[in-house]
Amino acid sequence: MRVSLYPVILAALAVAGCDRQSSAPAQENVANAAQGPDEVSPDEVAPSNDTVPAATAREVDRSHKGEVAPADFFADLTGKTGSMADFNGKPALLNLWATWCAPCVKELPTLDALAKREAGKLTVVALSQDMDAAKVGPFVQSKGLTTLDVRTDAKMAWIPKVTPTLPTTILYGSDGREIWRMVGDYDWTGAEAAKLLAEAK
């Protein structure tokens, strides 16, 4: 592996969460890991629908309960900036993901289905950690994801402050404070997920 700006962070990503199967060009200036047998390119993964089930058993981390979301800005797909404070007033589920992260892309359809089901009651924010923000919109569109509130963090400000592992999903209450977080892909359409999300109501 070449020396990178975030060697520890991306090493943790490779071990704990994402299966990077080919170095995405947009990420090469952060890290360029040698390809391994468990790596996959963004175009090779990511089902276009929810036919591939996400994992269902994940540990819920409540050690950050009550913390306010970082104030770091991110952008929507038009380039307009905002922050998690913009979502205060109703619960928000924040998912940190990337196009090159196979588990991330695997769970996106379940997050999109959740966003449709809970429209008006819960905002599902999909915050991309891709350094090339311009590719995120076309990628999401190509996967048929229509309801997620997609945002981009091209400076990857959230990874060192919030988590070393993608995907990571955090539930914030209507007051903007964290309730719990979960690391790894998950089926957000199931009964267990509904029970966890009810904690924000």
C-alpha atoms as a PDB file:
ATOM      1  CA  MET A   1       0.000   0.000   0.000  1.00  0.00           C
ATOM      2  CA  ARG A   2       1.304   3.444  -0.847  1.00  0.00           C
ATOM      3  CA  VAL A   3       1.701   6.117   1.776  1.00  0.00           C
ATOM      4  CA  SER A   4      -1.513   8.098   2.059  1.00  0.00           C
ATOM      5  CA  LEU A   5      -3.005  11.011   3.917  1.00  0.00           C
ATOM      6  CA  TYR A   6      -5.231   8.714   5.934  1.00  0.00           C
ATOM      7  CA  PRO A   7      -3.388   5.368   6.239  1.00  0.00           C
ATOM      8  CA  VAL A   8      -4.877   4.380   9.561  1.00  0.00           C
ATOM      9  CA  ILE A   9      -8.402   5.343   8.558  1.00  0.00           C
ATOM     10  CA  LEU A  10      -8.386   3.519   5.260  1.00  0.00           C
ATOM     11  CA  ALA A  11      -6.702   0.481   6.761  1.00  0.00           C
ATOM     12  CA  ALA A  12      -9.593   0.299   9.194  1.00  0.00           C
ATOM     13  CA  LEU A  13     -12.069   0.712   6.343  1.00  0.00           C
ATOM     14  CA  ALA A  14     -10.545  -2.197   4.499  1.00  0.00           C
ATOM     15  CA  VAL A  15     -10.503  -4.466   7.553  1.00  0.00           C
ATOM     16  CA  ALA A  16     -13.750  -3.577   9.294  1.00  0.00           C
ATOM     17  CA  GLY A  17     -16.232  -2.563   6.663  1.00  0.00           C
ATOM     18  CA  CYS A  18     -15.714  -2.002   2.985  1.00  0.00           C
ATOM     19  CA  ASP A  19     -14.519  -4.442   0.403  1.00  0.00           C
ATOM     20  CA  ARG A  20     -12.469  -2.248  -1.923  1.00  0.00           C
ATOM     21  CA  GLN A  21     -12.023  -4.250  -5.039  1.00  0.00           C
ATOM     22  CA  SER A  22     -10.319  -1.830  -7.285  1.00  0.00           C
ATOM     23  CA  SER A  23      -8.883   1.514  -6.432  1.00  0.00           C
ATOM     24  CA  ALA A  24     -11.444   4.089  -7.453  1.00  0.00           C
ATOM     25  CA  PRO A  25      -9.728   6.881  -9.405  1.00  0.00           C
ATOM     26  CA  ALA A  26     -11.414   9.496  -7.232  1.00  0.00           C
ATOM     27  CA  GLN A  27      -9.858   7.987  -4.123  1.00  0.00           C
ATOM     28  CA  GLU A  28      -6.353   7.363  -5.452  1.00  0.00           C
ATOM     29  CA  ASN A  29      -4.932  10.514  -3.947  1.00  0.00           C
ATOM     30  CA  VAL A  30      -6.127   9.321  -0.535  1.00  0.00           C
ATOM     31  CA  ALA A  31      -5.077   5.714  -0.769  1.00  0.00           C
ATOM     32  CA  ASN A  32      -4.349   3.159  -3.450  1.00  0.00           C
ATOM     33  CA  ALA A  33      -4.595  -0.239  -1.855  1.00  0.00           C
ATOM     34  CA  ALA A  34      -3.297  -3.284  -3.684  1.00  0.00           C
ATOM     35  CA  GLN A  35      -6.122  -5.275  -5.148  1.00  0.00           C
ATOM     36  CA  GLY A  36      -7.081  -8.355  -3.227  1.00  0.00           C
ATOM     37  CA  PRO A  37      -9.418 -11.264  -3.863  1.00  0.00           C
ATOM     38  CA  ASP A  38     -12.205  -9.608  -1.888  1.00  0.00           C
ATOM     39  CA  GLU A  39     -12.111  -6.329  -3.760  1.00  0.00           C
ATOM     40  CA  VAL A  40     -14.699  -5.169  -6.280  1.00  0.00           C
ATOM     41  CA  SER A  41     -15.089  -2.124  -8.471  1.00  0.00           C
ATOM     42  CA  PRO A  42     -18.083   0.189  -7.986  1.00  0.00           C
ATOM     43  CA  ASP A  43     -19.497  -0.873 -11.340  1.00  0.00           C
ATOM     44  CA  GLU A  44     -19.258  -4.560 -10.436  1.00  0.00           C
ATOM     45  CA  VAL A  45     -21.182  -4.311  -7.163  1.00  0.00           C
ATOM     46  CA  ALA A  46     -24.315  -2.454  -6.206  1.00  0.00           C
ATOM     47  CA  PRO A  47     -27.534  -4.141  -7.119  1.00  0.00           C
ATOM     48  CA  SER A  48     -29.968  -1.925  -8.976  1.00  0.00           C
ATOM     49  CA  ASN A  49     -32.763  -3.059  -6.654  1.00  0.00           C
ATOM     50  CA  ASP A  50     -33.204  -4.717  -3.297  1.00  0.00           C
ATOM     51  CA  THR A  51     -32.807  -8.311  -4.487  1.00  0.00           C
ATOM     52  CA  VAL A  52     -29.557  -8.715  -2.527  1.00  0.00           C
ATOM     53  CA  PRO A  53     -30.379  -8.715   1.185  1.00  0.00           C
ATOM     54  CA  ALA A  54     -28.230  -6.679   3.552  1.00  0.00           C
ATOM     55  CA  ALA A  55     -26.937  -8.097   6.793  1.00  0.00           C
ATOM     56  CA  THR A  56     -29.509  -8.180   9.555  1.00  0.00           C
ATOM     57  CA  ALA A  57     -27.527  -8.680  12.767  1.00  0.00           C
ATOM     58  CA  ARG A  58     -25.436  -5.693  13.829  1.00  0.00           C
ATOM     59  CA  GLU A  59     -24.478  -4.317  17.202  1.00  0.00           C
ATOM     60  CA  VAL A  60     -25.991  -0.984  18.116  1.00  0.00           C
ATOM     61  CA  ASP A  61     -23.510   1.484  19.638  1.00  0.00           C
ATOM     62  CA  ARG A  62     -25.053   3.851  22.173  1.00  0.00           C
ATOM     63  CA  SER A  63     -21.779   5.199  23.553  1.00  0.00           C
ATOM     64  CA  HIS A  64     -22.219   8.518  21.690  1.00  0.00           C
ATOM     65  CA  LYS A  65     -25.818   9.073  22.797  1.00  0.00           C
ATOM     66  CA  GLY A  66     -26.627  12.744  23.312  1.00  0.00           C
ATOM     67  CA  GLU A  67     -23.757  14.054  21.184  1.00  0.00           C
ATOM     68  CA  VAL A  68     -24.524  16.764  18.642  1.00  0.00           C
ATOM     69  CA  ALA A  69     -23.635  16.028  15.024  1.00  0.00           C
ATOM     70  CA  PRO A  70     -20.403  17.575  13.747  1.00  0.00           C
ATOM     71  CA  ALA A  71     -20.901  21.055  12.295  1.00  0.00           C
ATOM     72  CA  ASP A  72     -18.923  20.205   9.153  1.00  0.00           C
ATOM     73  CA  PHE A  73     -20.558  21.306   5.938  1.00  0.00           C
ATOM     74  CA  PHE A  74     -21.428  19.006   3.063  1.00  0.00           C
ATOM     75  CA  ALA A  75     -23.070  19.613  -0.300  1.00  0.00           C
ATOM     76  CA  ASP A  76     -26.183  18.401  -2.051  1.00  0.00           C
ATOM     77  CA  LEU A  77     -26.016  17.205  -5.643  1.00  0.00           C
ATOM     78  CA  THR A  78     -26.395  20.766  -6.941  1.00  0.00           C
ATOM     79  CA  GLY A  79     -23.411  21.942  -4.893  1.00  0.00           C
ATOM     80  CA  LYS A  80     -25.425  23.823  -2.275  1.00  0.00           C
ATOM     81  CA  THR A  81     -23.843  23.471   1.158  1.00  0.00           C
ATOM     82  CA  GLY A  82     -25.534  22.581   4.406  1.00  0.00           C
ATOM     83  CA  SER A  83     -25.029  20.629   7.620  1.00  0.00           C
ATOM     84  CA  MET A  84     -26.891  18.175   9.820  1.00  0.00           C
ATOM     85  CA  ALA A  85     -28.317  21.129  11.749  1.00  0.00           C
ATOM     86  CA  ASP A  86     -30.522  21.756   8.697  1.00  0.00           C
ATOM     87  CA  PHE A  87     -32.445  18.588   9.558  1.00  0.00           C
ATOM     88  CA  ASN A  88     -33.254  19.513  13.146  1.00  0.00           C
ATOM     89  CA  GLY A  89     -36.970  19.403  13.888  1.00  0.00           C
ATOM     90  CA  LYS A  90     -37.520  15.788  12.900  1.00  0.00           C
ATOM     91  CA  PRO A  91     -35.442  12.619  13.180  1.00  0.00           C
ATOM     92  CA  ALA A  92     -32.702  11.986  10.640  1.00  0.00           C
ATOM     93  CA  LEU A  93     -30.855   8.808   9.771  1.00  0.00           C
ATOM     94  CA  LEU A  94     -27.370   9.610   8.477  1.00  0.00           C
ATOM     95  CA  ASN A  95     -25.560   6.970   6.433  1.00  0.00           C
ATOM     96  CA  LEU A  96     -21.878   7.419   5.574  1.00  0.00           C
ATOM     97  CA  TRP A  97     -21.015   5.490   2.432  1.00  0.00           C
ATOM     98  CA  ALA A  98     -18.942   5.550  -0.767  1.00  0.00           C
ATOM     99  CA  THR A  99     -19.380   4.272  -4.302  1.00  0.00           C
ATOM    100  CA  TRP A 100     -16.276   2.078  -3.939  1.00  0.00           C
ATOM    101  CA  CYS A 101     -17.537   0.411  -0.750  1.00  0.00           C
ATOM    102  CA  ALA A 102     -19.354  -2.847  -1.555  1.00  0.00           C
ATOM    103  CA  PRO A 103     -21.236  -3.217   1.767  1.00  0.00           C
ATOM    104  CA  CYS A 104     -22.306   0.429   1.499  1.00  0.00           C
ATOM    105  CA  VAL A 105     -23.761   0.000  -1.956  1.00  0.00           C
ATOM    106  CA  LYS A 106     -25.370  -3.286  -0.958  1.00  0.00           C
ATOM    107  CA  GLU A 107     -27.493  -1.597   1.731  1.00  0.00           C
ATOM    108  CA  LEU A 108     -28.430   1.546  -0.238  1.00  0.00           C
ATOM    109  CA  PRO A 109     -31.620   0.021  -1.720  1.00  0.00           C
ATOM    110  CA  THR A 110     -32.910  -0.747   1.784  1.00  0.00           C
ATOM    111  CA  LEU A 111     -32.172   2.820   2.881  1.00  0.00           C
ATOM    112  CA  ASP A 112     -33.994   4.130  -0.179  1.00  0.00           C
ATOM    113  CA  ALA A 113     -37.001   1.921   0.617  1.00  0.00           C
ATOM    114  CA  LEU A 114     -36.938   3.209   4.203  1.00  0.00           C
ATOM    115  CA  ALA A 115     -36.849   6.808   2.973  1.00  0.00           C
ATOM    116  CA  LYS A 116     -39.951   6.150   0.852  1.00  0.00           C
ATOM    117  CA  ARG A 117     -41.804   4.454   3.691  1.00  0.00           C
ATOM    118  CA  GLU A 118     -40.972   7.134   6.284  1.00  0.00           C
ATOM    119  CA  ALA A 119     -41.269  10.182   4.009  1.00  0.00           C
ATOM    120  CA  GLY A 120     -42.332  13.192   6.043  1.00  0.00           C
ATOM    121  CA  LYS A 121     -41.448  11.516   9.346  1.00  0.00           C
ATOM    122  CA  LEU A 122     -37.764  10.600   8.976  1.00  0.00           C
ATOM    123  CA  THR A 123     -35.121  12.039   6.659  1.00  0.00           C
ATOM    124  CA  VAL A 124     -32.598   9.520   5.350  1.00  0.00           C
ATOM    125  CA  VAL A 125     -29.363  11.317   4.504  1.00  0.00           C
ATOM    126  CA  ALA A 126     -26.826   9.398   2.414  1.00  0.00           C
ATOM    127  CA  LEU A 127     -23.505  11.211   2.876  1.00  0.00           C
ATOM    128  CA  SER A 128     -20.976  10.084   0.286  1.00  0.00           C
ATOM    129  CA  GLN A 129     -17.303  10.008   1.216  1.00  0.00           C
ATOM    130  CA  ASP A 130     -16.181   9.992  -2.414  1.00  0.00           C
ATOM    131  CA  MET A 131     -13.582  12.639  -3.198  1.00  0.00           C
ATOM    132  CA  ASP A 132     -15.042  13.060  -6.691  1.00  0.00           C
ATOM    133  CA  ALA A 133     -18.446  14.509  -5.840  1.00  0.00           C
ATOM    134  CA  ALA A 134     -19.439  14.754  -9.508  1.00  0.00           C
ATOM    135  CA  LYS A 135     -19.710  10.982  -9.849  1.00  0.00           C
ATOM    136  CA  VAL A 136     -22.103  10.495  -6.917  1.00  0.00           C
ATOM    137  CA  GLY A 137     -25.292  11.767  -8.570  1.00  0.00           C
ATOM    138  CA  PRO A 138     -24.946   9.618 -11.713  1.00  0.00           C
ATOM    139  CA  PHE A 139     -24.018   6.611  -9.577  1.00  0.00           C
ATOM    140  CA  VAL A 140     -27.110   6.959  -7.384  1.00  0.00           C
ATOM    141  CA  GLN A 141     -29.314   7.504 -10.437  1.00  0.00           C
ATOM    142  CA  SER A 142     -27.887   4.435 -12.165  1.00  0.00           C
ATOM    143  CA  LYS A 143     -28.900   2.328  -9.168  1.00  0.00           C
ATOM    144  CA  GLY A 144     -32.491   3.596  -9.269  1.00  0.00           C
ATOM    145  CA  LEU A 145     -32.315   5.259  -5.853  1.00  0.00           C
ATOM    146  CA  THR A 146     -34.882   8.034  -5.898  1.00  0.00           C
ATOM    147  CA  THR A 147     -35.795   9.027  -2.350  1.00  0.00           C
ATOM    148  CA  LEU A 148     -32.535   9.306  -0.416  1.00  0.00           C
ATOM    149  CA  ASP A 149     -31.332  12.797   0.496  1.00  0.00           C
ATOM    150  CA  VAL A 150     -27.908  12.403  -1.096  1.00  0.00           C
ATOM    151  CA  ARG A 151     -25.087  14.652   0.090  1.00  0.00           C
ATOM    152  CA  THR A 152     -21.358  14.685  -0.636  1.00  0.00           C
ATOM    153  CA  ASP A 153     -18.353  15.175   1.633  1.00  0.00           C
ATOM    154  CA  ALA A 154     -15.530  15.418  -0.894  1.00  0.00           C
ATOM    155  CA  LYS A 155     -13.052  16.521   1.792  1.00  0.00           C
ATOM    156  CA  MET A 156     -13.888  13.404   3.827  1.00  0.00           C
ATOM    157  CA  ALA A 157     -14.277  15.548   6.938  1.00  0.00           C
ATOM    158  CA  TRP A 158     -16.708  13.134   8.563  1.00  0.00           C
ATOM    159  CA  ILE A 159     -14.540  10.015   8.520  1.00  0.00           C
ATOM    160  CA  PRO A 160     -11.877  11.162  11.014  1.00  0.00           C
ATOM    161  CA  LYS A 161     -14.453  12.822  13.268  1.00  0.00           C
ATOM    162  CA  VAL A 162     -17.178  10.200  13.303  1.00  0.00           C
ATOM    163  CA  THR A 163     -16.040   6.763  12.174  1.00  0.00           C
ATOM    164  CA  PRO A 164     -13.122   4.869  10.631  1.00  0.00           C
ATOM    165  CA  THR A 165     -15.498   2.384   9.008  1.00  0.00           C
ATOM    166  CA  LEU A 166     -17.952   2.505   6.120  1.00  0.00           C
ATOM    167  CA  PRO A 167     -20.814   2.056   6.109  1.00  0.00           C
ATOM    168  CA  THR A 168     -21.731   3.709   9.396  1.00  0.00           C
ATOM    169  CA  THR A 169     -25.304   4.809  10.097  1.00  0.00           C
ATOM    170  CA  ILE A 170     -26.280   7.248  12.860  1.00  0.00           C
ATOM    171  CA  LEU A 171     -29.769   8.050  14.121  1.00  0.00           C
ATOM    172  CA  TYR A 172     -30.290  11.651  15.263  1.00  0.00           C
ATOM    173  CA  GLY A 173     -33.369  12.768  17.136  1.00  0.00           C
ATOM    174  CA  SER A 174     -35.396  15.836  16.215  1.00  0.00           C
ATOM    175  CA  ASP A 175     -33.150  17.819  18.589  1.00  0.00           C
ATOM    176  CA  GLY A 176     -30.104  16.962  16.462  1.00  0.00           C
ATOM    177  CA  ARG A 177     -28.566  14.710  19.114  1.00  0.00           C
ATOM    178  CA  GLU A 178     -27.344  11.210  18.462  1.00  0.00           C
ATOM    179  CA  ILE A 179     -29.430   8.291  19.691  1.00  0.00           C
ATOM    180  CA  TRP A 180     -27.364   5.368  18.398  1.00  0.00           C
ATOM    181  CA  ARG A 181     -25.076   4.314  15.582  1.00  0.00           C
ATOM    182  CA  MET A 182     -24.439   1.104  13.701  1.00  0.00           C
ATOM    183  CA  VAL A 183     -21.390  -0.049  11.751  1.00  0.00           C
ATOM    184  CA  GLY A 184     -21.782  -2.316   8.748  1.00  0.00           C
ATOM    185  CA  ASP A 185     -24.507  -2.933   6.175  1.00  0.00           C
ATOM    186  CA  TYR A 186     -27.995  -3.608   7.460  1.00  0.00           C
ATOM    187  CA  ASP A 187     -31.487  -4.325   6.183  1.00  0.00           C
ATOM    188  CA  TRP A 188     -33.298  -1.075   6.991  1.00  0.00           C
ATOM    189  CA  THR A 189     -36.669  -2.439   5.853  1.00  0.00           C
ATOM    190  CA  GLY A 190     -37.046  -5.114   8.525  1.00  0.00           C
ATOM    191  CA  ALA A 191     -38.934  -5.237  11.806  1.00  0.00           C
ATOM    192  CA  GLU A 192     -35.789  -4.922  13.926  1.00  0.00           C
ATOM    193  CA  ALA A 193     -34.822  -1.746  12.098  1.00  0.00           C
ATOM    194  CA  ALA A 194     -38.319  -0.324  12.626  1.00  0.00           C
ATOM    195  CA  LYS A 195     -38.015  -0.998  16.353  1.00  0.00           C
ATOM    196  CA  LEU A 196     -34.655   0.807  16.521  1.00  0.00           C
ATOM    197  CA  LEU A 197     -35.892   3.764  14.487  1.00  0.00           C
ATOM    198  CA  ALA A 198     -38.909   4.117  16.779  1.00  0.00           C
ATOM    199  CA  GLU A 199     -36.496   5.310  19.463  1.00  0.00           C
ATOM    200  CA  ALA A 200     -36.376   8.654  17.677  1.00  0.00           C
ATOM    201  CA  LYS A 201     -40.122   9.251  17.955  1.00  0.00           C
END
